[in-house]
Amino acid sequence: MADNKIQMPGVFGGLMRYDEEYSSKFMLRPSTVVGFAVAIIVLVVALKIFFPVGV
């Protein structure tokens, strides 16, 4: 039975290579994304101050 071994192709050790040159339609800098997040937080806080929900 030991003579009937199947030879499998070599593996990549769990590493897969994807297309490294991915181009997106939206090119945003990290500072822009942080700016949007801060603006949303400020908007939510302002809405809670000016339009409080009764408890």
PDB file of N, CA and C in Angstrom:
ATOM      1  N   MET A   1       0.796  -1.186   0.000  1.00  0.00           N
ATOM      2  CA  MET A   1       0.000   0.000   0.000  1.00  0.00           C
ATOM      3  C   MET A   1       0.844   1.256   0.000  1.00  0.00           C
ATOM      4  N   ALA A   2       2.021   1.199   0.493  1.00  0.00           N
ATOM      5  CA  ALA A   2       2.876   2.376   0.578  1.00  0.00           C
ATOM      6  C   ALA A   2       3.351   2.814  -0.802  1.00  0.00           C
ATOM      7  N   ASP A   3       3.261   1.970  -1.807  1.00  0.00           N
ATOM      8  CA  ASP A   3       3.715   2.320  -3.162  1.00  0.00           C
ATOM      9  C   ASP A   3       2.683   3.157  -3.916  1.00  0.00           C
ATOM     10  N   ASN A   4       1.472   3.276  -3.431  1.00  0.00           N
ATOM     11  CA  ASN A   4       0.406   3.992  -4.136  1.00  0.00           C
ATOM     12  C   ASN A   4       0.245   5.421  -3.615  1.00  0.00           C
ATOM     13  N   LYS A   5       1.328   6.110  -3.348  1.00  0.00           N
ATOM     14  CA  LYS A   5       1.248   7.487  -2.847  1.00  0.00           C
ATOM     15  C   LYS A   5       0.933   8.435  -3.990  1.00  0.00           C
ATOM     16  N   ILE A   6       0.137   9.417  -3.696  1.00  0.00           N
ATOM     17  CA  ILE A   6      -0.215  10.433  -4.686  1.00  0.00           C
ATOM     18  C   ILE A   6       0.682  11.640  -4.458  1.00  0.00           C
ATOM     19  N   GLN A   7       1.298  12.127  -5.495  1.00  0.00           N
ATOM     20  CA  GLN A   7       2.154  13.304  -5.395  1.00  0.00           C
ATOM     21  C   GLN A   7       1.309  14.554  -5.587  1.00  0.00           C
ATOM     22  N   MET A   8       1.323  15.415  -4.594  1.00  0.00           N
ATOM     23  CA  MET A   8       0.571  16.659  -4.651  1.00  0.00           C
ATOM     24  C   MET A   8       1.530  17.789  -5.019  1.00  0.00           C
ATOM     25  N   PRO A   9       1.028  18.837  -5.685  1.00  0.00           N
ATOM     26  CA  PRO A   9       1.907  19.968  -6.004  1.00  0.00           C
ATOM     27  C   PRO A   9       2.335  20.696  -4.741  1.00  0.00           C
ATOM     28  N   GLY A  10       3.421  21.410  -4.830  1.00  0.00           N
ATOM     29  CA  GLY A  10       3.934  22.152  -3.687  1.00  0.00           C
ATOM     30  C   GLY A  10       2.962  23.226  -3.246  1.00  0.00           C
ATOM     31  N   VAL A  11       2.976  23.549  -1.984  1.00  0.00           N
ATOM     32  CA  VAL A  11       2.072  24.563  -1.455  1.00  0.00           C
ATOM     33  C   VAL A  11       2.847  25.834  -1.185  1.00  0.00           C
ATOM     34  N   PHE A  12       2.127  26.904  -0.975  1.00  0.00           N
ATOM     35  CA  PHE A  12       2.749  28.214  -0.755  1.00  0.00           C
ATOM     36  C   PHE A  12       2.951  28.513   0.725  1.00  0.00           C
ATOM     37  N   GLY A  13       2.758  27.567   1.589  1.00  0.00           N
ATOM     38  CA  GLY A  13       2.935  27.786   3.013  1.00  0.00           C
ATOM     39  C   GLY A  13       1.874  28.718   3.588  1.00  0.00           C
ATOM     40  N   GLY A  14       0.675  28.715   3.025  1.00  0.00           N
ATOM     41  CA  GLY A  14      -0.396  29.559   3.519  1.00  0.00           C
ATOM     42  C   GLY A  14      -0.361  30.974   2.963  1.00  0.00           C
ATOM     43  N   LEU A  15       0.640  31.280   2.153  1.00  0.00           N
ATOM     44  CA  LEU A  15       0.751  32.624   1.588  1.00  0.00           C
ATOM     45  C   LEU A  15       0.146  32.641   0.193  1.00  0.00           C
ATOM     46  N   MET A  16      -0.717  33.601  -0.029  1.00  0.00           N
ATOM     47  CA  MET A  16      -1.312  33.751  -1.350  1.00  0.00           C
ATOM     48  C   MET A  16      -0.968  35.125  -1.878  1.00  0.00           C
ATOM     49  N   ARG A  17      -0.772  35.206  -3.140  1.00  0.00           N
ATOM     50  CA  ARG A  17      -0.402  36.468  -3.759  1.00  0.00           C
ATOM     51  C   ARG A  17      -1.582  37.016  -4.539  1.00  0.00           C
ATOM     52  N   TYR A  18      -1.966  38.211  -4.201  1.00  0.00           N
ATOM     53  CA  TYR A  18      -3.049  38.868  -4.910  1.00  0.00           C
ATOM     54  C   TYR A  18      -2.463  39.979  -5.764  1.00  0.00           C
ATOM     55  N   ASP A  19      -3.280  40.565  -6.585  1.00  0.00           N
ATOM     56  CA  ASP A  19      -2.818  41.649  -7.440  1.00  0.00           C
ATOM     57  C   ASP A  19      -2.407  42.834  -6.571  1.00  0.00           C
ATOM     58  N   GLU A  20      -1.132  43.140  -6.561  1.00  0.00           N
ATOM     59  CA  GLU A  20      -0.625  44.221  -5.719  1.00  0.00           C
ATOM     60  C   GLU A  20      -0.882  45.592  -6.325  1.00  0.00           C
ATOM     61  N   GLU A  21      -1.202  45.658  -7.575  1.00  0.00           N
ATOM     62  CA  GLU A  21      -1.426  46.931  -8.259  1.00  0.00           C
ATOM     63  C   GLU A  21      -2.913  47.202  -8.393  1.00  0.00           C
ATOM     64  N   TYR A  22      -3.637  47.113  -7.294  1.00  0.00           N
ATOM     65  CA  TYR A  22      -5.074  47.355  -7.311  1.00  0.00           C
ATOM     66  C   TYR A  22      -5.332  48.849  -7.410  1.00  0.00           C
ATOM     67  N   SER A  23      -6.126  49.236  -8.378  1.00  0.00           N
ATOM     68  CA  SER A  23      -6.454  50.653  -8.536  1.00  0.00           C
ATOM     69  C   SER A  23      -7.950  50.842  -8.276  1.00  0.00           C
ATOM     70  N   SER A  24      -8.258  51.740  -7.359  1.00  0.00           N
ATOM     71  CA  SER A  24      -9.635  51.997  -6.981  1.00  0.00           C
ATOM     72  C   SER A  24     -10.117  53.275  -7.642  1.00  0.00           C
ATOM     73  N   LYS A  25     -11.434  53.405  -7.770  1.00  0.00           N
ATOM     74  CA  LYS A  25     -11.998  54.632  -8.323  1.00  0.00           C
ATOM     75  C   LYS A  25     -11.890  55.774  -7.320  1.00  0.00           C
ATOM     76  N   PHE A  26     -11.858  55.432  -6.034  1.00  0.00           N
ATOM     77  CA  PHE A  26     -11.772  56.422  -4.978  1.00  0.00           C
ATOM     78  C   PHE A  26     -10.386  56.364  -4.353  1.00  0.00           C
ATOM     79  N   MET A  27      -9.612  57.390  -4.575  1.00  0.00           N
ATOM     80  CA  MET A  27      -8.279  57.460  -3.988  1.00  0.00           C
ATOM     81  C   MET A  27      -8.321  58.481  -2.857  1.00  0.00           C
ATOM     82  N   LEU A  28      -8.382  57.994  -1.612  1.00  0.00           N
ATOM     83  CA  LEU A  28      -8.471  58.863  -0.447  1.00  0.00           C
ATOM     84  C   LEU A  28      -7.218  58.705   0.408  1.00  0.00           C
ATOM     85  N   ARG A  29      -6.746  59.835   0.904  1.00  0.00           N
ATOM     86  CA  ARG A  29      -5.623  59.781   1.827  1.00  0.00           C
ATOM     87  C   ARG A  29      -6.145  59.410   3.203  1.00  0.00           C
ATOM     88  N   PRO A  30      -5.325  58.822   4.048  1.00  0.00           N
ATOM     89  CA  PRO A  30      -5.784  58.469   5.394  1.00  0.00           C
ATOM     90  C   PRO A  30      -6.252  59.676   6.194  1.00  0.00           C
ATOM     91  N   SER A  31      -5.621  60.835   6.004  1.00  0.00           N
ATOM     92  CA  SER A  31      -6.048  62.026   6.737  1.00  0.00           C
ATOM     93  C   SER A  31      -7.460  62.454   6.327  1.00  0.00           C
ATOM     94  N   THR A  32      -7.829  62.225   5.090  1.00  0.00           N
ATOM     95  CA  THR A  32      -9.182  62.554   4.632  1.00  0.00           C
ATOM     96  C   THR A  32     -10.212  61.650   5.316  1.00  0.00           C
ATOM     97  N   VAL A  33      -9.898  60.376   5.433  1.00  0.00           N
ATOM     98  CA  VAL A  33     -10.812  59.436   6.084  1.00  0.00           C
ATOM     99  C   VAL A  33     -10.974  59.796   7.559  1.00  0.00           C
ATOM    100  N   VAL A  34      -9.877  60.138   8.224  1.00  0.00           N
ATOM    101  CA  VAL A  34      -9.950  60.557   9.631  1.00  0.00           C
ATOM    102  C   VAL A  34     -10.769  61.843   9.757  1.00  0.00           C
ATOM    103  N   GLY A  35     -10.590  62.764   8.812  1.00  0.00           N
ATOM    104  CA  GLY A  35     -11.358  64.008   8.824  1.00  0.00           C
ATOM    105  C   GLY A  35     -12.851  63.754   8.693  1.00  0.00           C
ATOM    106  N   PHE A  36     -13.240  62.834   7.810  1.00  0.00           N
ATOM    107  CA  PHE A  36     -14.654  62.486   7.668  1.00  0.00           C
ATOM    108  C   PHE A  36     -15.191  61.872   8.957  1.00  0.00           C
ATOM    109  N   ALA A  37     -14.421  61.018   9.585  1.00  0.00           N
ATOM    110  CA  ALA A  37     -14.860  60.378  10.828  1.00  0.00           C
ATOM    111  C   ALA A  37     -15.051  61.421  11.927  1.00  0.00           C
ATOM    112  N   VAL A  38     -14.117  62.356  12.051  1.00  0.00           N
ATOM    113  CA  VAL A  38     -14.233  63.407  13.062  1.00  0.00           C
ATOM    114  C   VAL A  38     -15.436  64.298  12.766  1.00  0.00           C
ATOM    115  N   ALA A  39     -15.672  64.616  11.502  1.00  0.00           N
ATOM    116  CA  ALA A  39     -16.816  65.451  11.133  1.00  0.00           C
ATOM    117  C   ALA A  39     -18.132  64.760  11.485  1.00  0.00           C
ATOM    118  N   ILE A  40     -18.225  63.470  11.278  1.00  0.00           N
ATOM    119  CA  ILE A  40     -19.448  62.737  11.623  1.00  0.00           C
ATOM    120  C   ILE A  40     -19.650  62.723  13.131  1.00  0.00           C
ATOM    121  N   ILE A  41     -18.556  62.531  13.888  1.00  0.00           N
ATOM    122  CA  ILE A  41     -18.667  62.537  15.346  1.00  0.00           C
ATOM    123  C   ILE A  41     -19.143  63.897  15.837  1.00  0.00           C
ATOM    124  N   VAL A  42     -18.589  64.976  15.297  1.00  0.00           N
ATOM    125  CA  VAL A  42     -18.992  66.327  15.692  1.00  0.00           C
ATOM    126  C   VAL A  42     -20.454  66.564  15.334  1.00  0.00           C
ATOM    127  N   LEU A  43     -20.881  66.104  14.186  1.00  0.00           N
ATOM    128  CA  LEU A  43     -22.274  66.260  13.773  1.00  0.00           C
ATOM    129  C   LEU A  43     -23.217  65.536  14.721  1.00  0.00           C
ATOM    130  N   VAL A  44     -22.882  64.329  15.094  1.00  0.00           N
ATOM    131  CA  VAL A  44     -23.737  63.558  15.999  1.00  0.00           C
ATOM    132  C   VAL A  44     -23.805  64.227  17.368  1.00  0.00           C
ATOM    133  N   VAL A  45     -22.672  64.699  17.882  1.00  0.00           N
ATOM    134  CA  VAL A  45     -22.662  65.367  19.183  1.00  0.00           C
ATOM    135  C   VAL A  45     -23.476  66.663  19.123  1.00  0.00           C
ATOM    136  N   ALA A  46     -23.340  67.433  18.043  1.00  0.00           N
ATOM    137  CA  ALA A  46     -24.101  68.675  17.898  1.00  0.00           C
ATOM    138  C   ALA A  46     -25.597  68.390  17.828  1.00  0.00           C
ATOM    139  N   LEU A  47     -25.989  67.352  17.110  1.00  0.00           N
ATOM    140  CA  LEU A  47     -27.411  67.008  17.040  1.00  0.00           C
ATOM    141  C   LEU A  47     -27.940  66.583  18.399  1.00  0.00           C
ATOM    142  N   LYS A  48     -27.139  65.865  19.191  1.00  0.00           N
ATOM    143  CA  LYS A  48     -27.583  65.473  20.533  1.00  0.00           C
ATOM    144  C   LYS A  48     -27.702  66.669  21.459  1.00  0.00           C
ATOM    145  N   ILE A  49     -26.869  67.697  21.249  1.00  0.00           N
ATOM    146  CA  ILE A  49     -26.943  68.894  22.096  1.00  0.00           C
ATOM    147  C   ILE A  49     -28.147  69.747  21.704  1.00  0.00           C
ATOM    148  N   PHE A  50     -28.335  69.995  20.413  1.00  0.00           N
ATOM    149  CA  PHE A  50     -29.393  70.890  19.956  1.00  0.00           C
ATOM    150  C   PHE A  50     -30.769  70.238  19.889  1.00  0.00           C
ATOM    151  N   PHE A  51     -30.824  68.932  19.710  1.00  0.00           N
ATOM    152  CA  PHE A  51     -32.097  68.206  19.646  1.00  0.00           C
ATOM    153  C   PHE A  51     -32.070  67.022  20.606  1.00  0.00           C
ATOM    154  N   PRO A  52     -32.127  67.315  21.909  1.00  0.00           N
ATOM    155  CA  PRO A  52     -32.057  66.195  22.873  1.00  0.00           C
ATOM    156  C   PRO A  52     -33.328  65.354  22.828  1.00  0.00           C
ATOM    157  N   VAL A  53     -33.148  64.083  23.087  1.00  0.00           N
ATOM    158  CA  VAL A  53     -34.273  63.161  23.115  1.00  0.00           C
ATOM    159  C   VAL A  53     -34.733  63.053  24.564  1.00  0.00           C
ATOM    160  N   GLY A  54     -36.029  63.304  24.795  1.00  0.00           N
ATOM    161  CA  GLY A  54     -36.583  63.247  26.156  1.00  0.00           C
ATOM    162  C   GLY A  54     -36.531  61.851  26.728  1.00  0.00           C
ATOM    163  N   VAL A  55     -36.208  61.769  27.997  1.00  0.00           N
ATOM    164  CA  VAL A  55     -36.115  60.457  28.654  1.00  0.00           C
ATOM    165  C   VAL A  55     -37.345  60.204  29.476  1.00  0.00           C
TER     166      VAL A  55
END
